[in-house]
Every structure is written in structure tokens, then in C-alpha cells.
Protein backbone atom coordinates (compact mmCIF):
# COMPACT_ATOMS: atom_id res chain seq x y z
CA MET A 1 26.49 -4.02 -0.85
CA CYS A 2 22.82 -3.25 -0.38
CA PHE A 3 20.34 -6.11 -0.27
CA ARG A 4 16.59 -5.70 -0.55
CA PRO A 5 14.60 -8.76 0.53
CA ALA A 6 12.22 -10.27 -2.01
CA ASN A 7 9.28 -9.74 0.34
CA ALA A 8 9.86 -5.97 0.66
CA ALA A 9 6.53 -4.32 -0.18
CA LYS A 10 5.91 -1.09 -2.04
CA PRO A 11 3.88 1.62 -0.33
CA ILE A 12 0.11 1.58 -0.76
CA GLU A 13 -1.46 4.66 -2.35
CA CYS A 14 -4.81 5.77 -0.96
CA PRO A 15 -7.40 5.79 -3.78
CA ASN A 16 -9.19 8.77 -2.20
CA CYS A 17 -6.47 11.29 -1.25
CA GLY A 18 -3.42 9.81 -3.02
CA MET A 19 -1.26 9.62 0.11
CA LYS A 20 1.46 6.95 -0.08
CA ILE A 21 1.33 4.77 3.03
CA PRO A 22 4.44 2.65 3.70
CA VAL A 23 4.20 -1.03 4.59
CA VAL A 24 6.18 -1.41 7.82
CA GLY A 25 7.32 -4.86 8.85
CA GLY A 26 5.05 -6.49 6.29
CA VAL A 27 1.96 -4.97 7.93
CA LYS A 28 -0.38 -2.97 5.71
CA GLN A 29 -2.54 -0.20 7.15
CA LYS A 30 -6.29 -0.87 7.10
CA VAL A 31 -7.36 2.80 7.18
CA CYS A 32 -5.70 5.84 5.61
CA PRO A 33 -4.28 8.02 8.42
CA LYS A 34 -5.07 11.20 6.47
CA CYS A 35 -8.63 10.75 5.15
CA LYS A 36 -9.76 7.57 7.01
CA THR A 37 -10.58 5.70 3.77
CA ASP A 38 -10.84 1.89 4.07
CA LEU A 39 -7.69 0.35 2.51
CA THR A 40 -8.59 -3.32 2.97
CA GLN A 41 -9.86 -3.55 -0.63
CA VAL A 42 -6.75 -1.96 -2.19
CA ASN A 43 -4.60 -4.44 -4.10
CA GLU A 44 -1.20 -3.98 -5.78
CA ASN A 45 -1.09 -5.00 -9.44
CA ALA A 46 1.99 -6.03 -11.46
CA GLU A 47 2.96 -2.46 -12.38
CA GLY A 48 3.06 -1.42 -8.72
CA GLU A 49 -0.10 0.66 -8.98
CA GLU A 50 -2.87 -0.06 -6.52
CA THR A 51 -6.38 -0.86 -7.67
CA PRO A 52 -9.46 -1.64 -5.57
CA GLN A 53 -10.52 -5.27 -5.61
CA LYS A 54 -14.02 -6.02 -6.92
């Protein structure tokens, strides 16, 4: 039986290049490894899509 913990996070999608960046060990990347965009303002909404915080 496969068990997924409740705190398992979905990958973050870069708003600039669209690259999906996995959350490893509960740690989110601060900068996109592909285009170096700041990801600290990216927030996951209820549908699982990421939107920048204002």
C-alpha cells in the first residue's frame, strides 16, 4: 500500500520560464535553476497552480 504524507508538497512552477521545480524534503527553492527568477513570492493556491503574492 502506498502512503503519501499530508505535508507532501506539489512542485513549484516558475512564472517566467514555466519549469516545474520539485520541493525536496519540504524545502522550496528560492531561485529558479534555469532562468534565475526569484521564487520567494510564488504561492500555491487551492487548485495547485502557483501565483505571485502581492
